[in-house]
Amino acid sequence: MTTGELIRSARLRAGYSQKELAQRLGMASSSIARWETDAVEPGYSTLRRVLQACGFDIPPVLVAYARVALRAA
């Protein structure tokens, strides 16, 4: 699973459109689209904010571990 797939999965589980998630984060929906297609990878703090906005309370160490694991896959 790529970072983009993780973001898309979290967003869909939360029931948000790309536009709704972008509004919750205070950014453009095009950013969400670029992340989900893996055109751009969000930074660590942004990824954590995205997951929290989708209802996932993830400790920072797990986010960092997930990113490393996704790159190795």
N, C-alpha and C. Protein backbone atom coordinates (compact mmCIF):
# COMPACT_ATOMS: atom_id res chain seq x y z
N MET A 1 0.85 -1.18 0.00
CA MET A 1 0.00 0.00 0.00
C MET A 1 0.89 1.24 0.00
N THR A 2 0.59 2.15 -0.90
CA THR A 2 1.35 3.40 -0.96
C THR A 2 0.78 4.40 0.03
N THR A 3 1.50 5.49 0.22
CA THR A 3 1.00 6.55 1.09
C THR A 3 -0.31 7.10 0.54
N GLY A 4 -0.38 7.26 -0.77
CA GLY A 4 -1.60 7.75 -1.41
C GLY A 4 -2.79 6.83 -1.16
N GLU A 5 -2.55 5.54 -1.26
CA GLU A 5 -3.62 4.57 -1.00
C GLU A 5 -4.07 4.62 0.45
N LEU A 6 -3.12 4.82 1.35
CA LEU A 6 -3.44 4.95 2.77
C LEU A 6 -4.32 6.17 3.01
N ILE A 7 -3.97 7.29 2.42
CA ILE A 7 -4.75 8.51 2.57
C ILE A 7 -6.15 8.33 2.00
N ARG A 8 -6.23 7.76 0.82
CA ARG A 8 -7.54 7.56 0.17
C ARG A 8 -8.41 6.63 1.01
N SER A 9 -7.83 5.56 1.49
CA SER A 9 -8.57 4.61 2.32
C SER A 9 -9.09 5.28 3.60
N ALA A 10 -8.24 6.05 4.25
CA ALA A 10 -8.64 6.75 5.48
C ALA A 10 -9.75 7.75 5.19
N ARG A 11 -9.63 8.48 4.09
CA ARG A 11 -10.64 9.47 3.71
C ARG A 11 -11.98 8.81 3.43
N LEU A 12 -11.96 7.73 2.69
CA LEU A 12 -13.21 7.04 2.36
C LEU A 12 -13.86 6.42 3.60
N ARG A 13 -13.04 5.86 4.48
CA ARG A 13 -13.58 5.29 5.73
C ARG A 13 -14.24 6.35 6.59
N ALA A 14 -13.70 7.57 6.51
CA ALA A 14 -14.28 8.68 7.27
C ALA A 14 -15.52 9.25 6.59
N GLY A 15 -15.73 8.87 5.33
CA GLY A 15 -16.90 9.34 4.59
C GLY A 15 -16.75 10.72 3.99
N TYR A 16 -15.51 11.16 3.76
CA TYR A 16 -15.26 12.49 3.22
C TYR A 16 -14.95 12.43 1.73
N SER A 17 -15.39 13.45 1.03
CA SER A 17 -14.92 13.65 -0.34
C SER A 17 -13.56 14.33 -0.24
N GLN A 18 -12.86 14.42 -1.36
CA GLN A 18 -11.57 15.12 -1.34
C GLN A 18 -11.78 16.58 -0.93
N LYS A 19 -12.85 17.18 -1.41
CA LYS A 19 -13.14 18.57 -1.09
C LYS A 19 -13.42 18.75 0.40
N GLU A 20 -14.19 17.85 0.98
CA GLU A 20 -14.50 17.94 2.41
C GLU A 20 -13.26 17.79 3.27
N LEU A 21 -12.41 16.83 2.92
CA LEU A 21 -11.18 16.66 3.68
C LEU A 21 -10.29 17.89 3.55
N ALA A 22 -10.19 18.41 2.35
CA ALA A 22 -9.37 19.60 2.13
C ALA A 22 -9.88 20.77 2.97
N GLN A 23 -11.19 20.94 3.05
CA GLN A 23 -11.76 22.02 3.86
C GLN A 23 -11.42 21.82 5.33
N ARG A 24 -11.49 20.60 5.82
CA ARG A 24 -11.15 20.31 7.21
C ARG A 24 -9.69 20.65 7.51
N LEU A 25 -8.84 20.48 6.50
CA LEU A 25 -7.41 20.73 6.67
C LEU A 25 -7.01 22.15 6.30
N GLY A 26 -7.93 22.90 5.69
CA GLY A 26 -7.62 24.27 5.28
C GLY A 26 -6.69 24.34 4.10
N MET A 27 -6.90 23.46 3.14
CA MET A 27 -6.04 23.46 1.95
C MET A 27 -6.86 23.15 0.71
N ALA A 28 -6.24 23.18 -0.43
CA ALA A 28 -6.91 22.93 -1.70
C ALA A 28 -7.17 21.44 -1.91
N SER A 29 -8.30 21.13 -2.53
CA SER A 29 -8.62 19.73 -2.79
C SER A 29 -7.63 19.12 -3.79
N SER A 30 -6.98 19.96 -4.58
CA SER A 30 -5.97 19.44 -5.51
C SER A 30 -4.80 18.81 -4.76
N SER A 31 -4.52 19.29 -3.55
CA SER A 31 -3.46 18.69 -2.74
C SER A 31 -3.82 17.26 -2.38
N ILE A 32 -5.07 17.05 -1.98
CA ILE A 32 -5.54 15.71 -1.62
C ILE A 32 -5.41 14.80 -2.84
N ALA A 33 -5.83 15.29 -3.99
CA ALA A 33 -5.77 14.48 -5.22
C ALA A 33 -4.33 14.10 -5.55
N ARG A 34 -3.40 15.04 -5.40
CA ARG A 34 -1.99 14.74 -5.71
C ARG A 34 -1.42 13.71 -4.75
N TRP A 35 -1.80 13.79 -3.47
CA TRP A 35 -1.32 12.79 -2.51
C TRP A 35 -1.88 11.42 -2.84
N GLU A 36 -3.18 11.37 -3.14
CA GLU A 36 -3.83 10.08 -3.37
C GLU A 36 -3.32 9.39 -4.63
N THR A 37 -2.83 10.14 -5.59
CA THR A 37 -2.28 9.55 -6.80
C THR A 37 -0.77 9.35 -6.70
N ASP A 38 -0.22 9.67 -5.52
CA ASP A 38 1.22 9.54 -5.27
C ASP A 38 2.06 10.44 -6.17
N ALA A 39 1.43 11.50 -6.69
CA ALA A 39 2.19 12.48 -7.48
C ALA A 39 3.09 13.30 -6.56
N VAL A 40 2.61 13.52 -5.33
CA VAL A 40 3.35 14.25 -4.30
C VAL A 40 3.14 13.52 -3.00
N GLU A 41 4.18 13.44 -2.19
CA GLU A 41 4.06 12.78 -0.89
C GLU A 41 4.00 13.85 0.20
N PRO A 42 2.97 13.79 1.05
CA PRO A 42 2.87 14.79 2.11
C PRO A 42 3.99 14.61 3.13
N GLY A 43 4.33 15.69 3.79
CA GLY A 43 5.31 15.61 4.86
C GLY A 43 4.73 14.87 6.06
N TYR A 44 5.61 14.55 6.98
CA TYR A 44 5.22 13.78 8.17
C TYR A 44 4.09 14.44 8.95
N SER A 45 4.24 15.72 9.26
CA SER A 45 3.21 16.39 10.06
C SER A 45 1.90 16.51 9.30
N THR A 46 1.97 16.69 8.00
CA THR A 46 0.75 16.76 7.19
C THR A 46 0.05 15.41 7.15
N LEU A 47 0.81 14.35 6.99
CA LEU A 47 0.21 13.02 6.98
C LEU A 47 -0.49 12.75 8.31
N ARG A 48 0.13 13.13 9.37
CA ARG A 48 -0.49 12.93 10.69
C ARG A 48 -1.78 13.73 10.81
N ARG A 49 -1.77 14.98 10.34
CA ARG A 49 -2.99 15.81 10.36
C ARG A 49 -4.10 15.19 9.52
N VAL A 50 -3.74 14.66 8.36
CA VAL A 50 -4.72 14.03 7.47
C VAL A 50 -5.38 12.84 8.19
N LEU A 51 -4.55 11.99 8.77
CA LEU A 51 -5.08 10.81 9.45
C LEU A 51 -5.92 11.19 10.66
N GLN A 52 -5.50 12.21 11.38
CA GLN A 52 -6.30 12.67 12.53
C GLN A 52 -7.63 13.25 12.07
N ALA A 53 -7.63 14.00 10.98
CA ALA A 53 -8.87 14.57 10.45
C ALA A 53 -9.85 13.48 10.02
N CYS A 54 -9.30 12.31 9.67
CA CYS A 54 -10.13 11.18 9.26
C CYS A 54 -10.52 10.30 10.44
N GLY A 55 -10.17 10.73 11.64
CA GLY A 55 -10.59 10.01 12.83
C GLY A 55 -9.63 8.98 13.36
N PHE A 56 -8.41 8.99 12.86
CA PHE A 56 -7.41 8.05 13.32
C PHE A 56 -6.46 8.76 14.29
N ASP A 57 -6.42 8.31 15.52
CA ASP A 57 -5.50 8.88 16.50
C ASP A 57 -4.26 8.00 16.53
N ILE A 58 -3.26 8.44 15.79
CA ILE A 58 -2.07 7.61 15.59
C ILE A 58 -0.86 8.29 16.23
N PRO A 59 -0.18 7.60 17.13
CA PRO A 59 1.03 8.17 17.72
C PRO A 59 2.07 8.47 16.64
N PRO A 60 2.84 9.53 16.81
CA PRO A 60 3.84 9.91 15.80
C PRO A 60 4.78 8.78 15.40
N VAL A 61 5.18 7.97 16.35
CA VAL A 61 6.13 6.90 16.02
C VAL A 61 5.51 5.90 15.03
N LEU A 62 4.21 5.65 15.13
CA LEU A 62 3.57 4.71 14.20
C LEU A 62 3.43 5.30 12.81
N VAL A 63 3.20 6.59 12.72
CA VAL A 63 3.14 7.23 11.41
C VAL A 63 4.50 7.12 10.74
N ALA A 64 5.56 7.39 11.49
CA ALA A 64 6.91 7.29 10.94
C ALA A 64 7.21 5.86 10.51
N TYR A 65 6.82 4.90 11.33
CA TYR A 65 7.05 3.49 10.99
C TYR A 65 6.28 3.10 9.73
N ALA A 66 5.03 3.53 9.64
CA ALA A 66 4.21 3.20 8.47
C ALA A 66 4.83 3.75 7.21
N ARG A 67 5.35 4.96 7.26
CA ARG A 67 5.97 5.56 6.07
C ARG A 67 7.19 4.75 5.63
N VAL A 68 8.00 4.31 6.58
CA VAL A 68 9.19 3.51 6.25
C VAL A 68 8.75 2.18 5.66
N ALA A 69 7.75 1.56 6.27
CA ALA A 69 7.26 0.26 5.79
C ALA A 69 6.67 0.39 4.40
N LEU A 70 5.95 1.46 4.13
CA LEU A 70 5.35 1.65 2.81
C LEU A 70 6.42 1.83 1.74
N ARG A 71 7.48 2.52 2.07
CA ARG A 71 8.57 2.70 1.10
C ARG A 71 9.28 1.40 0.78
N ALA A 72 9.35 0.51 1.76
CA ALA A 72 10.04 -0.77 1.57
C ALA A 72 9.20 -1.76 0.78
N ALA A 73 7.89 -1.53 0.73
CA ALA A 73 6.97 -2.48 0.06
C ALA A 73 7.08 -2.40 -1.44
